Amino acid sequence: MILTRIPELNISDIARRVGLNYATTDKHLKELEGARLVQQKRFGRIRIYKLNDLDPRVAAVKKLVDFWETKS
């Protein structure tokens, strides 16, 4: 998950970095936001996403990503 490496990104940057189109990225981010795993900040038309660090599931995902990257 790109947001474990880069704390805040807009939707276009996320889409480009993970290789998905804007619509698919938007759909996934809405699901993650609905599950309260990511938070959105709006600056006019720009939406910035970040992980919800208060959720213990996010901490578990971060640990998994760290573990995965150190074993690669």
PDB file of N, CA and C in Angstrom:
ATOM      1  N   MET A   1       0.849  -1.181   0.000  1.00  0.00           N
ATOM      2  CA  MET A   1       0.000   0.000   0.000  1.00  0.00           C
ATOM      3  C   MET A   1       0.888   1.236   0.000  1.00  0.00           C
ATOM      4  N   ILE A   2       0.697   2.082  -0.983  1.00  0.00           N
ATOM      5  CA  ILE A   2       1.563   3.243  -1.187  1.00  0.00           C
ATOM      6  C   ILE A   2       1.506   4.218  -0.010  1.00  0.00           C
ATOM      7  N   LEU A   3       0.373   4.306   0.674  1.00  0.00           N
ATOM      8  CA  LEU A   3       0.250   5.246   1.781  1.00  0.00           C
ATOM      9  C   LEU A   3       1.038   4.813   3.021  1.00  0.00           C
ATOM     10  N   THR A   4       1.551   3.597   3.034  1.00  0.00           N
ATOM     11  CA  THR A   4       2.429   3.210   4.142  1.00  0.00           C
ATOM     12  C   THR A   4       3.822   3.797   3.940  1.00  0.00           C
ATOM     13  N   ARG A   5       4.176   4.114   2.693  1.00  0.00           N
ATOM     14  CA  ARG A   5       5.495   4.675   2.388  1.00  0.00           C
ATOM     15  C   ARG A   5       5.480   6.191   2.268  1.00  0.00           C
ATOM     16  N   ILE A   6       4.400   6.730   1.715  1.00  0.00           N
ATOM     17  CA  ILE A   6       4.262   8.174   1.531  1.00  0.00           C
ATOM     18  C   ILE A   6       3.015   8.590   2.305  1.00  0.00           C
ATOM     19  N   PRO A   7       3.188   9.394   3.346  1.00  0.00           N
ATOM     20  CA  PRO A   7       2.068   9.661   4.270  1.00  0.00           C
ATOM     21  C   PRO A   7       0.807  10.261   3.659  1.00  0.00           C
ATOM     22  N   GLU A   8       0.936  11.187   2.710  1.00  0.00           N
ATOM     23  CA  GLU A   8      -0.239  11.829   2.126  1.00  0.00           C
ATOM     24  C   GLU A   8      -0.048  11.977   0.629  1.00  0.00           C
ATOM     25  N   LEU A   9      -1.085  11.615  -0.113  1.00  0.00           N
ATOM     26  CA  LEU A   9      -1.047  11.743  -1.571  1.00  0.00           C
ATOM     27  C   LEU A   9      -2.432  12.090  -2.092  1.00  0.00           C
ATOM     28  N   ASN A  10      -2.452  12.783  -3.228  1.00  0.00           N
ATOM     29  CA  ASN A  10      -3.752  13.012  -3.861  1.00  0.00           C
ATOM     30  C   ASN A  10      -4.092  11.805  -4.723  1.00  0.00           C
ATOM     31  N   ILE A  11      -5.330  11.736  -5.138  1.00  0.00           N
ATOM     32  CA  ILE A  11      -5.831  10.555  -5.826  1.00  0.00           C
ATOM     33  C   ILE A  11      -5.088  10.300  -7.146  1.00  0.00           C
ATOM     34  N   SER A  12      -4.736  11.361  -7.863  1.00  0.00           N
ATOM     35  CA  SER A  12      -4.015  11.178  -9.132  1.00  0.00           C
ATOM     36  C   SER A  12      -2.634  10.576  -8.906  1.00  0.00           C
ATOM     37  N   ASP A  13      -1.936  11.038  -7.869  1.00  0.00           N
ATOM     38  CA  ASP A  13      -0.619  10.485  -7.552  1.00  0.00           C
ATOM     39  C   ASP A  13      -0.718   9.021  -7.139  1.00  0.00           C
ATOM     40  N   ILE A  14      -1.731   8.705  -6.357  1.00  0.00           N
ATOM     41  CA  ILE A  14      -1.921   7.308  -5.939  1.00  0.00           C
ATOM     42  C   ILE A  14      -2.165   6.440  -7.160  1.00  0.00           C
ATOM     43  N   ALA A  15      -3.063   6.873  -8.040  1.00  0.00           N
ATOM     44  CA  ALA A  15      -3.388   6.103  -9.248  1.00  0.00           C
ATOM     45  C   ALA A  15      -2.137   5.872 -10.091  1.00  0.00           C
ATOM     46  N   ARG A  16      -1.359   6.915 -10.306  1.00  0.00           N
ATOM     47  CA  ARG A  16      -0.159   6.792 -11.128  1.00  0.00           C
ATOM     48  C   ARG A  16       0.861   5.848 -10.500  1.00  0.00           C
ATOM     49  N   ARG A  17       1.072   5.957  -9.208  1.00  0.00           N
ATOM     50  CA  ARG A  17       2.085   5.149  -8.528  1.00  0.00           C
ATOM     51  C   ARG A  17       1.720   3.668  -8.451  1.00  0.00           C
ATOM     52  N   VAL A  18       0.432   3.368  -8.372  1.00  0.00           N
ATOM     53  CA  VAL A  18       0.030   1.957  -8.285  1.00  0.00           C
ATOM     54  C   VAL A  18      -0.382   1.382  -9.636  1.00  0.00           C
ATOM     55  N   GLY A  19      -0.409   2.218 -10.663  1.00  0.00           N
ATOM     56  CA  GLY A  19      -0.689   1.724 -12.004  1.00  0.00           C
ATOM     57  C   GLY A  19      -2.149   1.423 -12.287  1.00  0.00           C
ATOM     58  N   LEU A  20      -3.043   2.165 -11.647  1.00  0.00           N
ATOM     59  CA  LEU A  20      -4.475   2.006 -11.894  1.00  0.00           C
ATOM     60  C   LEU A  20      -5.032   3.285 -12.499  1.00  0.00           C
ATOM     61  N   ASN A  21      -6.195   3.183 -13.122  1.00  0.00           N
ATOM     62  CA  ASN A  21      -6.810   4.405 -13.637  1.00  0.00           C
ATOM     63  C   ASN A  21      -7.495   5.156 -12.491  1.00  0.00           C
ATOM     64  N   TYR A  22      -7.872   6.399 -12.772  1.00  0.00           N
ATOM     65  CA  TYR A  22      -8.446   7.270 -11.755  1.00  0.00           C
ATOM     66  C   TYR A  22      -9.732   6.679 -11.163  1.00  0.00           C
ATOM     67  N   ALA A  23     -10.617   6.191 -12.015  1.00  0.00           N
ATOM     68  CA  ALA A  23     -11.918   5.681 -11.548  1.00  0.00           C
ATOM     69  C   ALA A  23     -11.749   4.482 -10.620  1.00  0.00           C
ATOM     70  N   THR A  24     -10.858   3.567 -10.970  1.00  0.00           N
ATOM     71  CA  THR A  24     -10.625   2.388 -10.136  1.00  0.00           C
ATOM     72  C   THR A  24     -10.006   2.792  -8.801  1.00  0.00           C
ATOM     73  N   THR A  25      -9.045   3.706  -8.852  1.00  0.00           N
ATOM     74  CA  THR A  25      -8.412   4.188  -7.626  1.00  0.00           C
ATOM     75  C   THR A  25      -9.432   4.870  -6.731  1.00  0.00           C
ATOM     76  N   ASP A  26     -10.281   5.693  -7.322  1.00  0.00           N
ATOM     77  CA  ASP A  26     -11.326   6.388  -6.568  1.00  0.00           C
ATOM     78  C   ASP A  26     -12.249   5.389  -5.884  1.00  0.00           C
ATOM     79  N   LYS A  27     -12.632   4.348  -6.592  1.00  0.00           N
ATOM     80  CA  LYS A  27     -13.516   3.328  -6.028  1.00  0.00           C
ATOM     81  C   LYS A  27     -12.857   2.630  -4.836  1.00  0.00           C
ATOM     82  N   HIS A  28     -11.591   2.258  -4.981  1.00  0.00           N
ATOM     83  CA  HIS A  28     -10.878   1.592  -3.889  1.00  0.00           C
ATOM     84  C   HIS A  28     -10.725   2.518  -2.686  1.00  0.00           C
ATOM     85  N   LEU A  29     -10.405   3.776  -2.940  1.00  0.00           N
ATOM     86  CA  LEU A  29     -10.244   4.720  -1.834  1.00  0.00           C
ATOM     87  C   LEU A  29     -11.563   4.962  -1.111  1.00  0.00           C
ATOM     88  N   LYS A  30     -12.655   4.983  -1.836  1.00  0.00           N
ATOM     89  CA  LYS A  30     -13.971   5.138  -1.186  1.00  0.00           C
ATOM     90  C   LYS A  30     -14.267   3.949  -0.278  1.00  0.00           C
ATOM     91  N   GLU A  31     -13.912   2.748  -0.735  1.00  0.00           N
ATOM     92  CA  GLU A  31     -14.099   1.550   0.106  1.00  0.00           C
ATOM     93  C   GLU A  31     -13.232   1.633   1.360  1.00  0.00           C
ATOM     94  N   LEU A  32     -11.977   2.022   1.186  1.00  0.00           N
ATOM     95  CA  LEU A  32     -11.072   2.148   2.339  1.00  0.00           C
ATOM     96  C   LEU A  32     -11.536   3.243   3.291  1.00  0.00           C
ATOM     97  N   GLU A  33     -12.064   4.318   2.742  1.00  0.00           N
ATOM     98  CA  GLU A  33     -12.591   5.394   3.578  1.00  0.00           C
ATOM     99  C   GLU A  33     -13.841   4.933   4.325  1.00  0.00           C
ATOM    100  N   GLY A  34     -14.688   4.165   3.654  1.00  0.00           N
ATOM    101  CA  GLY A  34     -15.881   3.618   4.298  1.00  0.00           C
ATOM    102  C   GLY A  34     -15.547   2.685   5.446  1.00  0.00           C
ATOM    103  N   ALA A  35     -14.430   1.993   5.316  1.00  0.00           N
ATOM    104  CA  ALA A  35     -13.961   1.103   6.384  1.00  0.00           C
ATOM    105  C   ALA A  35     -13.141   1.856   7.432  1.00  0.00           C
ATOM    106  N   ARG A  36     -13.011   3.153   7.238  1.00  0.00           N
ATOM    107  CA  ARG A  36     -12.267   4.048   8.140  1.00  0.00           C
ATOM    108  C   ARG A  36     -10.767   3.722   8.209  1.00  0.00           C
ATOM    109  N   LEU A  37     -10.236   3.179   7.118  1.00  0.00           N
ATOM    110  CA  LEU A  37      -8.801   2.883   7.064  1.00  0.00           C
ATOM    111  C   LEU A  37      -8.008   4.053   6.497  1.00  0.00           C
ATOM    112  N   VAL A  38      -8.664   4.881   5.686  1.00  0.00           N
ATOM    113  CA  VAL A  38      -8.030   6.095   5.182  1.00  0.00           C
ATOM    114  C   VAL A  38      -8.911   7.290   5.500  1.00  0.00           C
ATOM    115  N   GLN A  39      -8.271   8.446   5.527  1.00  0.00           N
ATOM    116  CA  GLN A  39      -8.978   9.698   5.758  1.00  0.00           C
ATOM    117  C   GLN A  39      -8.739  10.609   4.564  1.00  0.00           C
ATOM    118  N   GLN A  40      -9.700  11.461   4.306  1.00  0.00           N
ATOM    119  CA  GLN A  40      -9.619  12.372   3.171  1.00  0.00           C
ATOM    120  C   GLN A  40      -9.654  13.805   3.665  1.00  0.00           C
ATOM    121  N   LYS A  41      -8.782  14.624   3.078  1.00  0.00           N
ATOM    122  CA  LYS A  41      -8.831  16.068   3.303  1.00  0.00           C
ATOM    123  C   LYS A  41      -9.106  16.704   1.954  1.00  0.00           C
ATOM    124  N   ARG A  42      -9.952  17.707   1.940  1.00  0.00           N
ATOM    125  CA  ARG A  42     -10.285  18.388   0.684  1.00  0.00           C
ATOM    126  C   ARG A  42      -9.727  19.801   0.698  1.00  0.00           C
ATOM    127  N   PHE A  43      -9.137  20.147  -0.420  1.00  0.00           N
ATOM    128  CA  PHE A  43      -8.673  21.507  -0.666  1.00  0.00           C
ATOM    129  C   PHE A  43      -9.272  21.920  -2.006  1.00  0.00           C
ATOM    130  N   GLY A  44     -10.495  22.443  -1.957  1.00  0.00           N
ATOM    131  CA  GLY A  44     -11.212  22.724  -3.199  1.00  0.00           C
ATOM    132  C   GLY A  44     -11.552  21.414  -3.887  1.00  0.00           C
ATOM    133  N   ARG A  45     -11.069  21.239  -5.116  1.00  0.00           N
ATOM    134  CA  ARG A  45     -11.333  20.009  -5.861  1.00  0.00           C
ATOM    135  C   ARG A  45     -10.300  18.926  -5.580  1.00  0.00           C
ATOM    136  N   ILE A  46      -9.231  19.281  -4.895  1.00  0.00           N
ATOM    137  CA  ILE A  46      -8.154  18.322  -4.618  1.00  0.00           C
ATOM    138  C   ILE A  46      -8.476  17.532  -3.355  1.00  0.00           C
ATOM    139  N   ARG A  47      -8.344  16.206  -3.473  1.00  0.00           N
ATOM    140  CA  ARG A  47      -8.548  15.327  -2.323  1.00  0.00           C
ATOM    141  C   ARG A  47      -7.219  14.687  -1.961  1.00  0.00           C
ATOM    142  N   ILE A  48      -6.839  14.847  -0.718  1.00  0.00           N
ATOM    143  CA  ILE A  48      -5.601  14.268  -0.207  1.00  0.00           C
ATOM    144  C   ILE A  48      -5.997  13.125   0.723  1.00  0.00           C
ATOM    145  N   TYR A  49      -5.354  11.971   0.524  1.00  0.00           N
ATOM    146  CA  TYR A  49      -5.652  10.801   1.346  1.00  0.00           C
ATOM    147  C   TYR A  49      -4.461  10.453   2.224  1.00  0.00           C
ATOM    148  N   LYS A  50      -4.770   9.973   3.425  1.00  0.00           N
ATOM    149  CA  LYS A  50      -3.749   9.470   4.335  1.00  0.00           C
ATOM    150  C   LYS A  50      -4.348   8.322   5.134  1.00  0.00           C
ATOM    151  N   LEU A  51      -3.471   7.496   5.676  1.00  0.00           N
ATOM    152  CA  LEU A  51      -3.946   6.387   6.501  1.00  0.00           C
ATOM    153  C   LEU A  51      -4.487   6.909   7.817  1.00  0.00           C
ATOM    154  N   ASN A  52      -5.478   6.230   8.350  1.00  0.00           N
ATOM    155  CA  ASN A  52      -6.036   6.564   9.652  1.00  0.00           C
ATOM    156  C   ASN A  52      -5.194   5.857  10.716  1.00  0.00           C
ATOM    157  N   ASP A  53      -4.192   6.547  11.206  1.00  0.00           N
ATOM    158  CA  ASP A  53      -3.252   5.943  12.153  1.00  0.00           C
ATOM    159  C   ASP A  53      -3.881   5.588  13.501  1.00  0.00           C
ATOM    160  N   LEU A  54      -5.096   6.040  13.755  1.00  0.00           N
ATOM    161  CA  LEU A  54      -5.762   5.703  15.007  1.00  0.00           C
ATOM    162  C   LEU A  54      -6.416   4.323  14.973  1.00  0.00           C
ATOM    163  N   ASP A  55      -6.540   3.753  13.788  1.00  0.00           N
ATOM    164  CA  ASP A  55      -7.164   2.439  13.640  1.00  0.00           C
ATOM    165  C   ASP A  55      -6.110   1.345  13.815  1.00  0.00           C
ATOM    166  N   PRO A  56      -6.323   0.401  14.720  1.00  0.00           N
ATOM    167  CA  PRO A  56      -5.330  -0.662  14.936  1.00  0.00           C
ATOM    168  C   PRO A  56      -5.112  -1.543  13.712  1.00  0.00           C
ATOM    169  N   ARG A  57      -6.083  -1.613  12.826  1.00  0.00           N
ATOM    170  CA  ARG A  57      -5.905  -2.398  11.595  1.00  0.00           C
ATOM    171  C   ARG A  57      -4.858  -1.769  10.694  1.00  0.00           C
ATOM    172  N   VAL A  58      -4.763  -0.441  10.719  1.00  0.00           N
ATOM    173  CA  VAL A  58      -3.761   0.260   9.919  1.00  0.00           C
ATOM    174  C   VAL A  58      -2.371  -0.074  10.445  1.00  0.00           C
ATOM    175  N   ALA A  59      -2.228  -0.117  11.758  1.00  0.00           N
ATOM    176  CA  ALA A  59      -0.936  -0.491  12.352  1.00  0.00           C
ATOM    177  C   ALA A  59      -0.544  -1.902  11.922  1.00  0.00           C
ATOM    178  N   ALA A  60      -1.502  -2.805  11.876  1.00  0.00           N
ATOM    179  CA  ALA A  60      -1.233  -4.182  11.458  1.00  0.00           C
ATOM    180  C   ALA A  60      -0.814  -4.234   9.989  1.00  0.00           C
ATOM    181  N   VAL A  61      -1.469  -3.456   9.149  1.00  0.00           N
ATOM    182  CA  VAL A  61      -1.108  -3.412   7.727  1.00  0.00           C
ATOM    183  C   VAL A  61       0.304  -2.852   7.559  1.00  0.00           C
ATOM    184  N   LYS A  62       0.621  -1.800   8.304  1.00  0.00           N
ATOM    185  CA  LYS A  62       1.962  -1.216   8.229  1.00  0.00           C
ATOM    186  C   LYS A  62       3.027  -2.234   8.633  1.00  0.00           C
ATOM    187  N   LYS A  63       2.756  -2.982   9.693  1.00  0.00           N
ATOM    188  CA  LYS A  63       3.701  -4.018  10.124  1.00  0.00           C
ATOM    189  C   LYS A  63       3.882  -5.079   9.049  1.00  0.00           C
ATOM    190  N   LEU A  64       2.796  -5.494   8.442  1.00  0.00           N
ATOM    191  CA  LEU A  64       2.858  -6.495   7.386  1.00  0.00           C
ATOM    192  C   LEU A  64       3.679  -5.993   6.202  1.00  0.00           C
ATOM    193  N   VAL A  65       3.436  -4.754   5.780  1.00  0.00           N
ATOM    194  CA  VAL A  65       4.184  -4.177   4.658  1.00  0.00           C
ATOM    195  C   VAL A  65       5.664  -4.081   5.004  1.00  0.00           C
ATOM    196  N   ASP A  66       5.981  -3.613   6.208  1.00  0.00           N
ATOM    197  CA  ASP A  66       7.382  -3.531   6.642  1.00  0.00           C
ATOM    198  C   ASP A  66       8.036  -4.903   6.628  1.00  0.00           C
ATOM    199  N   PHE A  67       7.355  -5.894   7.164  1.00  0.00           N
ATOM    200  CA  PHE A  67       7.879  -7.256   7.192  1.00  0.00           C
ATOM    201  C   PHE A  67       8.102  -7.779   5.772  1.00  0.00           C
ATOM    202  N   TRP A  68       7.099  -7.576   4.907  1.00  0.00           N
ATOM    203  CA  TRP A  68       7.166  -8.042   3.519  1.00  0.00           C
ATOM    204  C   TRP A  68       8.359  -7.417   2.792  1.00  0.00           C
ATOM    205  N   GLU A  69       8.553  -6.101   2.996  1.00  0.00           N
ATOM    206  CA  GLU A  69       9.632  -5.399   2.303  1.00  0.00           C
ATOM    207  C   GLU A  69      11.013  -5.799   2.830  1.00  0.00           C
ATOM    208  N   THR A  70      11.122  -6.134   4.102  1.00  0.00           N
ATOM    209  CA  THR A  70      12.431  -6.533   4.627  1.00  0.00           C
ATOM    210  C   THR A  70      12.785  -7.963   4.235  1.00  0.00           C
ATOM    211  N   LYS A  71      11.799  -8.778   3.910  1.00  0.00           N
ATOM    212  CA  LYS A  71      12.048 -10.175   3.524  1.00  0.00           C
ATOM    213  C   LYS A  71      12.266 -10.330   2.018  1.00  0.00           C
ATOM    214  N   SER A  72      12.013  -9.270   1.255  1.00  0.00           N
ATOM    215  CA  SER A  72      12.160  -9.352  -0.208  1.00  0.00           C
ATOM    216  C   SER A  72      13.597  -9.243  -0.642  1.00  0.00           C
TER     217      SER A  72
END
